[in-house]
Amino acid sequence: MAMNSTSINNLADSGIVSSFLDSTPFATIPGIKAIATLALFVLFYLVLELAHGALKRLFRGISEKTRNTLDDELLKVVSKPVKYFVIVASAYLAIVLVIGNIILIPFSTGQADAQWTFALYDLFSVLFILVGTHIAASVISAAITWYGREVMPHTKNALGNELFPIGSKIAGISIYAVGAIIVLGMLGIEVGPLLAGLGIAGLAVALALQDSLGNFFAGMHILIDKPVKAGDYVRIKNEDVEGTIVEIGWRSTKILQLNNSHIILPNSKLASSVLINYHLPEKATGIKIAVGVSYDSDTDKVMKVFYEAAKKVVTENEFAVKEFEPKVWFTAFKDSCLEFAVVVKVVDFANKVDLESALNMEILKAFRKNKIEIPFPARTVYLKKE
């Protein structure tokens, strides 16, 4: 593309092969230039593809000798875009050698000495920039994703592995934006006024998408501060939601409830809520079972039976933490009973109900066997005679 005083017709030069064909008897064959262009395209494609394959095998051999997997990831993501480059380069070489620089879009500015043109060379320049931008974005995104997956889990950085997929997408979009600006500049479009207009439009969009942006930045805060992460079992008091965190996205968080249904909670609500994370500081958590017995009961006997029942469940139940010794206490004098409590640990809060059920069953069985009474609530009423 050009803005100059040269005549448009002077830019449409013929290719070397075309000039050669015009001087030979082949010039009279119908469609000879199209046949030559296709033949050269196939030839250049085969040559470049062979070179691509040779380089790919060479770099694969080198990557197999290295310890990290970064080079393998880069080789994988670059392989497909390079095929696009081979196709564009083959077409460029074939067309330019046969046809030359054809004017695709002539446009007069109305002045005798200034004309805007978009030629075949400009088209291929744009295509090369687009392919190069795609390769650069793929490489940067793959490198960031690899770093988040392979390196970050071994560090104590608070950003965490969850933030890198988002960073990868932002980096890719930024590279594509730079490529688009370069292409617009080649097309003669003034980028400055366009960016100013986009800034005003962006402000309007930001106001319209205030809630979405709030959710996005809340999601970033959650990923950086890490009050919860995927796999944690949580209870969100403000929203009356309980379940396992499945995914923290840019807008919302998915929570799997015990009934196997998903709750989609906006990140802004999660960030502003009071929540209990049952997986911090560790997955194993304590559960407490309280039972009332009759005031006539032998407290030493109750403590012993209570402990033995809890110990049996801890030994046999798959959801109990075996290393944790059951704790039994005489906790309170109630209106109708003496209250005793036992504390055991469950391996995961999601299995709390399973272990509680097993404990309740075994405690009831042990109390009935040892004739320990669990009284109903009772109240003595005294009537005063006047």
Protein backbone atom coordinates (compact mmCIF):
# COMPACT_ATOMS: atom_id res chain seq x y z
CA MET A 1 0.00 0.00 0.00
CA ALA A 2 1.34 3.40 -0.81
CA MET A 3 0.58 7.12 -0.88
CA ASN A 4 2.83 8.59 -3.56
CA SER A 5 3.06 10.52 -6.85
CA THR A 6 3.77 7.43 -8.92
CA SER A 7 1.14 6.39 -11.41
CA ILE A 8 -0.93 3.40 -10.42
CA ASN A 9 -0.12 1.67 -13.67
CA ASN A 10 3.61 1.84 -12.95
CA LEU A 11 3.12 -0.26 -9.80
CA ALA A 12 1.66 -3.19 -11.68
CA ASP A 13 4.93 -4.79 -12.73
CA SER A 14 5.01 -8.29 -14.22
CA GLY A 15 6.73 -11.29 -12.65
CA ILE A 16 10.01 -12.79 -13.85
CA VAL A 17 8.40 -16.04 -14.94
CA SER A 18 5.66 -14.15 -16.81
CA SER A 19 8.25 -12.17 -18.77
CA PHE A 20 10.09 -15.39 -19.59
CA LEU A 21 6.89 -17.14 -20.74
CA ASP A 22 5.99 -14.19 -22.99
CA SER A 23 9.24 -14.74 -24.89
CA THR A 24 8.60 -18.45 -25.51
CA PRO A 25 6.15 -20.42 -27.67
CA PHE A 26 4.30 -21.40 -24.46
CA ALA A 27 2.78 -17.90 -24.37
CA THR A 28 0.05 -19.03 -26.77
CA ILE A 29 -1.19 -21.82 -24.47
CA PRO A 30 -4.47 -20.76 -22.79
CA GLY A 31 -4.12 -20.34 -19.01
CA ILE A 32 -0.36 -20.92 -19.07
CA LYS A 33 0.25 -18.30 -16.36
CA ALA A 34 -2.34 -19.88 -14.05
CA ILE A 35 -0.77 -23.32 -14.65
CA ALA A 36 2.70 -21.92 -13.95
CA THR A 37 1.48 -20.23 -10.78
CA LEU A 38 -0.12 -23.45 -9.50
CA ALA A 39 2.96 -25.50 -10.37
CA LEU A 40 5.27 -23.08 -8.57
CA PHE A 41 2.92 -23.01 -5.57
CA VAL A 42 3.07 -26.81 -5.29
CA LEU A 43 6.85 -26.77 -5.74
CA PHE A 44 7.45 -24.10 -3.11
CA TYR A 45 4.96 -25.75 -0.72
CA LEU A 46 6.75 -29.11 -0.98
CA VAL A 47 10.17 -27.52 -0.48
CA LEU A 48 9.07 -25.40 2.49
CA GLU A 49 7.13 -28.28 4.04
CA LEU A 50 10.18 -30.54 3.76
CA ALA A 51 12.27 -27.83 5.43
CA HIS A 52 9.59 -27.45 8.11
CA GLY A 53 9.57 -31.21 8.74
CA ALA A 54 13.36 -31.36 8.96
CA LEU A 55 13.50 -28.46 11.43
CA LYS A 56 10.67 -29.99 13.45
CA ARG A 57 12.51 -33.31 13.76
CA LEU A 58 15.72 -31.48 14.67
CA PHE A 59 14.07 -29.44 17.46
CA ARG A 60 12.13 -32.49 18.70
CA GLY A 61 15.41 -34.39 19.05
CA ILE A 62 16.88 -31.48 21.01
CA SER A 63 13.79 -31.18 23.23
CA GLU A 64 13.89 -34.88 24.12
CA LYS A 65 17.32 -34.34 25.65
CA THR A 66 16.17 -31.52 27.94
CA ARG A 67 14.60 -32.03 31.36
CA ASN A 68 11.80 -29.45 31.23
CA THR A 69 8.72 -29.70 29.03
CA LEU A 70 8.63 -26.06 27.88
CA ASP A 71 10.31 -26.78 24.55
CA ASP A 72 7.85 -29.63 23.91
CA GLU A 73 4.90 -27.31 24.57
CA LEU A 74 6.32 -24.58 22.31
CA LEU A 75 7.01 -27.08 19.53
CA LYS A 76 3.43 -28.32 19.76
CA VAL A 77 1.78 -24.86 19.58
CA VAL A 78 4.08 -23.54 16.84
CA SER A 79 3.66 -26.51 14.52
CA LYS A 80 0.17 -25.62 13.24
CA PRO A 81 0.74 -21.84 12.72
CA VAL A 82 3.95 -22.61 10.82
CA LYS A 83 1.84 -24.60 8.33
CA TYR A 84 -0.15 -21.40 7.70
CA PHE A 85 3.14 -19.57 7.12
CA VAL A 86 4.26 -22.23 4.62
CA ILE A 87 1.00 -21.87 2.66
CA VAL A 88 1.14 -18.05 2.60
CA ALA A 89 4.85 -18.00 1.70
CA SER A 90 4.34 -20.54 -1.10
CA ALA A 91 1.44 -18.56 -2.55
CA TYR A 92 3.43 -15.31 -2.27
CA LEU A 93 6.49 -16.65 -4.07
CA ALA A 94 4.45 -18.33 -6.82
CA ILE A 95 2.19 -15.36 -7.52
CA VAL A 96 4.95 -12.73 -7.36
CA LEU A 97 7.26 -14.69 -9.68
CA VAL A 98 4.53 -15.24 -12.27
CA ILE A 99 2.08 -12.37 -11.98
CA GLY A 100 4.04 -9.69 -10.15
CA ASN A 101 2.72 -6.84 -8.04
CA ILE A 102 -0.93 -6.42 -9.06
CA ILE A 103 -2.92 -3.40 -7.93
CA LEU A 104 -5.89 -4.83 -6.06
CA ILE A 105 -7.60 -1.62 -4.88
CA PRO A 106 -6.82 1.71 -6.59
CA PHE A 107 -8.20 4.81 -4.94
CA SER A 108 -7.74 8.41 -5.97
CA THR A 109 -7.68 11.17 -3.39
CA GLY A 110 -8.86 13.70 -5.95
CA GLN A 111 -5.39 15.22 -6.31
CA ALA A 112 -3.32 14.61 -9.41
CA ASP A 113 -0.16 13.80 -7.50
CA ALA A 114 -1.54 11.57 -4.73
CA GLN A 115 -3.11 8.19 -5.11
CA TRP A 116 -3.75 5.45 -2.52
CA THR A 117 -3.22 1.86 -3.63
CA PHE A 118 -3.51 -1.58 -2.11
CA ALA A 119 -1.31 -3.97 -4.09
CA LEU A 120 -0.69 -7.71 -3.98
CA TYR A 121 2.52 -7.13 -2.00
CA ASP A 122 0.49 -5.29 0.64
CA LEU A 123 -2.00 -8.16 0.89
CA PHE A 124 0.78 -10.66 1.55
CA SER A 125 2.43 -8.27 4.01
CA VAL A 126 -0.85 -8.21 5.99
CA LEU A 127 -1.10 -12.02 5.83
CA PHE A 128 2.50 -12.42 7.05
CA ILE A 129 1.81 -10.05 9.96
CA LEU A 130 -1.36 -11.94 10.90
CA VAL A 131 0.43 -15.31 10.82
CA GLY A 132 3.39 -13.89 12.76
CA THR A 133 1.02 -12.40 15.34
CA HIS A 134 -0.74 -15.75 15.73
CA ILE A 135 2.60 -17.54 16.24
CA ALA A 136 3.78 -14.95 18.80
CA ALA A 137 0.47 -15.13 20.73
CA SER A 138 0.57 -18.94 20.74
CA VAL A 139 4.16 -19.01 22.01
CA ILE A 140 3.59 -16.44 24.78
CA SER A 141 0.33 -18.06 25.93
CA ALA A 142 1.90 -21.53 25.97
CA ALA A 143 4.93 -20.27 27.93
CA ILE A 144 2.76 -18.57 30.56
CA THR A 145 0.47 -21.60 30.89
CA TRP A 146 3.48 -23.91 31.21
CA TYR A 147 5.04 -21.71 33.90
CA GLY A 148 1.80 -21.68 35.89
CA ARG A 149 1.41 -25.46 35.63
CA GLU A 150 5.02 -26.61 36.09
CA VAL A 151 6.85 -23.92 38.08
CA MET A 152 4.33 -22.06 40.25
CA PRO A 153 3.12 -25.13 42.23
CA HIS A 154 6.71 -25.49 43.55
CA THR A 155 6.92 -21.90 44.78
CA LYS A 156 5.32 -20.04 47.67
CA ASN A 157 4.06 -17.20 45.49
CA ALA A 158 0.50 -16.21 46.41
CA LEU A 159 -0.56 -15.76 42.79
CA GLY A 160 -1.03 -19.48 42.45
CA ASN A 161 -1.61 -21.74 39.52
CA GLU A 162 -5.20 -20.55 38.95
CA LEU A 163 -4.16 -17.04 37.85
CA PHE A 164 -1.98 -18.10 34.93
CA PRO A 165 -4.73 -19.24 32.51
CA ILE A 166 -6.25 -15.76 32.81
CA GLY A 167 -2.81 -14.16 32.34
CA SER A 168 -2.27 -16.34 29.28
CA LYS A 169 -5.52 -15.13 27.69
CA ILE A 170 -4.75 -11.47 28.48
CA ALA A 171 -1.26 -11.78 26.96
CA GLY A 172 -2.68 -13.41 23.82
CA ILE A 173 -5.32 -10.70 23.40
CA SER A 174 -2.67 -7.98 23.88
CA ILE A 175 -0.45 -9.46 21.15
CA TYR A 176 -3.38 -9.73 18.74
CA ALA A 177 -4.24 -6.09 19.51
CA VAL A 178 -0.68 -5.00 18.62
CA GLY A 179 -0.89 -6.99 15.38
CA ALA A 180 -4.23 -5.35 14.54
CA ILE A 181 -2.75 -1.86 15.13
CA ILE A 182 0.16 -2.66 12.79
CA VAL A 183 -2.24 -3.89 10.09
CA LEU A 184 -4.43 -0.79 10.44
CA GLY A 185 -1.33 1.37 10.07
CA MET A 186 -0.44 -0.46 6.87
CA LEU A 187 -3.94 0.16 5.55
CA GLY A 188 -3.45 3.92 6.03
CA ILE A 189 -5.92 4.16 8.91
CA GLU A 190 -4.95 6.72 11.55
CA VAL A 191 -4.62 4.73 14.75
CA GLY A 192 -4.52 7.71 17.16
CA PRO A 193 -8.08 8.97 16.58
CA LEU A 194 -9.29 5.37 16.51
CA LEU A 195 -7.74 4.66 19.92
CA ALA A 196 -9.24 7.88 21.30
CA GLY A 197 -12.66 6.82 20.04
CA LEU A 198 -12.15 3.36 21.49
CA GLY A 199 -11.23 4.96 24.83
CA ILE A 200 -14.52 6.84 24.98
CA ALA A 201 -16.41 3.76 23.82
CA GLY A 202 -14.53 1.69 26.41
CA LEU A 203 -15.62 4.04 29.18
CA ALA A 204 -19.25 3.68 28.09
CA VAL A 205 -18.89 -0.10 27.93
CA ALA A 206 -17.23 -0.14 31.37
CA LEU A 207 -20.20 1.72 32.87
CA ALA A 208 -22.62 -0.64 31.14
CA LEU A 209 -20.68 -3.70 32.30
CA GLN A 210 -20.05 -2.47 35.84
CA ASP A 211 -21.34 -5.66 37.45
CA SER A 212 -19.34 -7.91 35.12
CA LEU A 213 -16.16 -5.94 35.76
CA GLY A 214 -16.85 -6.09 39.50
CA ASN A 215 -17.12 -9.87 39.24
CA PHE A 216 -13.91 -10.02 37.19
CA PHE A 217 -11.83 -8.06 39.71
CA ALA A 218 -13.43 -9.99 42.59
CA GLY A 219 -12.33 -13.19 40.85
CA MET A 220 -8.80 -11.82 40.53
CA HIS A 221 -8.83 -10.95 44.25
CA ILE A 222 -9.97 -14.49 45.14
CA LEU A 223 -7.27 -16.07 42.97
CA ILE A 224 -4.54 -13.86 44.46
CA ASP A 225 -5.65 -13.87 48.12
CA LYS A 226 -6.71 -17.55 47.92
CA PRO A 227 -9.32 -17.72 50.71
CA VAL A 228 -10.68 -20.66 48.69
CA LYS A 229 -9.48 -22.74 45.78
CA ALA A 230 -10.85 -25.47 43.55
CA GLY A 231 -11.56 -28.61 45.62
CA ASP A 232 -12.24 -26.81 48.93
CA TYR A 233 -15.44 -27.55 50.84
CA VAL A 234 -16.98 -24.27 51.97
CA ARG A 235 -20.06 -22.78 53.58
CA ILE A 236 -21.07 -19.26 52.52
CA LYS A 237 -23.19 -17.85 55.31
CA ASN A 238 -24.57 -14.78 53.54
CA GLU A 239 -25.90 -16.86 50.63
CA ASP A 240 -26.82 -20.02 52.58
CA VAL A 241 -24.69 -22.10 50.20
CA GLU A 242 -22.57 -25.13 51.06
CA GLY A 243 -20.52 -27.41 48.81
CA THR A 244 -17.25 -28.08 47.01
CA ILE A 245 -15.58 -25.39 44.88
CA VAL A 246 -15.42 -26.77 41.34
CA GLU A 247 -14.07 -23.80 39.39
CA ILE A 248 -13.26 -20.13 39.96
CA GLY A 249 -13.88 -18.33 36.67
CA TRP A 250 -13.45 -14.71 35.59
CA ARG A 251 -17.11 -13.92 36.36
CA SER A 252 -18.49 -16.61 38.69
CA THR A 253 -17.60 -19.55 40.90
CA LYS A 254 -19.13 -23.01 40.50
CA ILE A 255 -20.00 -24.86 43.71
CA LEU A 256 -21.06 -28.53 43.73
CA GLN A 257 -23.62 -29.28 46.46
CA LEU A 258 -24.07 -32.64 48.17
CA ASN A 259 -27.23 -33.26 46.12
CA ASN A 260 -25.01 -33.16 42.98
CA SER A 261 -26.34 -29.80 41.74
CA HIS A 262 -24.25 -26.76 40.79
CA ILE A 263 -24.57 -23.33 42.36
CA ILE A 264 -23.24 -20.55 40.10
CA LEU A 265 -22.26 -17.72 42.46
CA PRO A 266 -21.04 -14.32 41.16
CA ASN A 267 -17.50 -13.61 42.34
CA SER A 268 -18.51 -10.26 43.83
CA LYS A 269 -20.91 -12.01 46.22
CA LEU A 270 -18.32 -14.65 47.14
CA ALA A 271 -15.66 -12.00 47.82
CA SER A 272 -17.99 -9.96 50.07
CA SER A 273 -19.45 -12.92 51.99
CA VAL A 274 -18.48 -14.49 55.29
CA LEU A 275 -17.38 -18.00 54.43
CA ILE A 276 -16.11 -21.05 56.29
CA ASN A 277 -13.45 -23.08 54.49
CA TYR A 278 -13.49 -26.58 55.96
CA HIS A 279 -10.29 -27.49 54.11
CA LEU A 280 -8.16 -24.89 55.90
CA PRO A 281 -5.76 -25.34 57.52
CA GLU A 282 -6.27 -29.01 56.48
CA LYS A 283 -8.97 -31.23 55.01
CA ALA A 284 -9.47 -33.29 58.17
CA THR A 285 -11.89 -31.58 60.55
CA GLY A 286 -13.48 -32.41 63.90
CA ILE A 287 -17.15 -33.29 64.41
CA LYS A 288 -18.99 -33.33 67.70
CA ILE A 289 -21.84 -35.63 68.79
CA ALA A 290 -23.73 -34.68 71.99
CA VAL A 291 -26.09 -37.05 73.81
CA GLY A 292 -28.13 -36.58 76.98
CA VAL A 293 -28.54 -39.39 79.56
CA SER A 294 -30.68 -39.79 82.66
CA TYR A 295 -29.67 -38.12 85.93
CA ASP A 296 -29.72 -41.62 87.46
CA SER A 297 -26.96 -42.86 85.15
CA ASP A 298 -23.47 -43.83 86.31
CA THR A 299 -21.31 -41.10 84.76
CA ASP A 300 -18.13 -43.25 84.75
CA LYS A 301 -19.97 -46.02 82.94
CA VAL A 302 -21.44 -43.55 80.44
CA MET A 303 -17.97 -42.11 79.70
CA LYS A 304 -16.55 -45.60 79.13
CA VAL A 305 -19.40 -46.82 76.90
CA PHE A 306 -19.37 -43.56 74.95
CA TYR A 307 -15.62 -43.80 74.34
CA GLU A 308 -15.72 -47.47 73.31
CA ALA A 309 -18.54 -46.85 70.82
CA ALA A 310 -16.68 -43.91 69.28
CA LYS A 311 -13.40 -45.86 69.18
CA LYS A 312 -15.07 -48.74 67.35
CA VAL A 313 -16.46 -46.41 64.70
CA VAL A 314 -13.09 -44.67 64.25
CA THR A 315 -11.39 -48.04 63.80
CA GLU A 316 -13.89 -49.44 61.30
CA ASN A 317 -15.22 -46.41 59.37
CA GLU A 318 -13.35 -45.36 56.21
CA PHE A 319 -14.17 -41.67 56.71
CA ALA A 320 -12.65 -41.38 60.21
CA VAL A 321 -9.09 -40.19 60.86
CA LYS A 322 -7.49 -43.24 62.50
CA GLU A 323 -4.66 -41.30 64.14
CA PHE A 324 -7.05 -39.06 66.10
CA GLU A 325 -8.09 -40.47 69.48
CA PRO A 326 -11.80 -39.85 70.32
CA LYS A 327 -12.33 -37.23 73.05
CA VAL A 328 -15.27 -37.70 75.46
CA TRP A 329 -16.48 -35.01 77.88
CA PHE A 330 -19.22 -34.48 80.42
CA THR A 331 -20.32 -31.12 79.05
CA ALA A 332 -23.43 -29.83 80.82
CA PHE A 333 -26.30 -30.24 83.27
CA LYS A 334 -29.44 -29.91 81.18
CA ASP A 335 -33.04 -29.53 82.33
CA SER A 336 -33.87 -33.19 81.70
CA CYS A 337 -30.50 -34.89 81.30
CA LEU A 338 -26.76 -34.98 81.79
CA GLU A 339 -25.08 -34.07 78.50
CA PHE A 340 -22.01 -35.93 77.24
CA ALA A 341 -20.14 -35.19 73.99
CA VAL A 342 -17.59 -36.97 71.83
CA VAL A 343 -15.29 -35.42 69.22
CA VAL A 344 -13.72 -37.37 66.36
CA LYS A 345 -12.09 -36.28 63.11
CA VAL A 346 -13.43 -36.87 59.60
CA VAL A 347 -11.01 -37.07 56.65
CA ASP A 348 -13.08 -34.60 54.59
CA PHE A 349 -15.97 -32.38 55.65
CA ALA A 350 -17.94 -33.64 52.65
CA ASN A 351 -18.09 -37.03 54.45
CA LYS A 352 -19.26 -35.51 57.74
CA VAL A 353 -22.82 -36.85 57.48
CA ASP A 354 -21.59 -40.40 56.78
CA LEU A 355 -19.43 -40.46 59.90
CA GLU A 356 -22.09 -38.78 62.05
CA SER A 357 -24.63 -41.40 61.01
CA ALA A 358 -22.26 -44.25 61.87
CA LEU A 359 -21.49 -42.68 65.27
CA ASN A 360 -25.17 -42.13 66.12
CA MET A 361 -26.02 -45.74 65.20
CA GLU A 362 -23.19 -47.21 67.28
CA ILE A 363 -23.79 -44.95 70.31
CA LEU A 364 -27.50 -45.80 70.38
CA LYS A 365 -26.71 -49.52 70.10
CA ALA A 366 -24.12 -49.34 72.90
CA PHE A 367 -26.45 -47.35 75.23
CA ARG A 368 -29.30 -49.80 74.74
CA LYS A 369 -27.00 -52.75 75.34
CA ASN A 370 -25.71 -51.26 78.61
CA LYS A 371 -29.19 -50.03 79.68
CA ILE A 372 -28.19 -46.35 79.67
CA GLU A 373 -31.34 -44.31 79.43
CA ILE A 374 -31.69 -41.40 76.99
CA PRO A 375 -34.58 -39.47 78.59
CA PHE A 376 -37.32 -37.51 76.91
CA PRO A 377 -37.55 -33.85 77.86
CA ALA A 378 -39.51 -33.72 81.12
CA ARG A 379 -40.80 -30.94 83.36
CA THR A 380 -42.18 -31.26 86.89
CA VAL A 381 -45.13 -28.98 87.64
CA TYR A 382 -46.01 -28.18 91.28
CA LEU A 383 -49.54 -26.94 91.98
CA LYS A 384 -49.81 -24.68 95.00
CA LYS A 385 -53.02 -25.00 97.06
CA GLU A 386 -54.53 -21.77 98.31
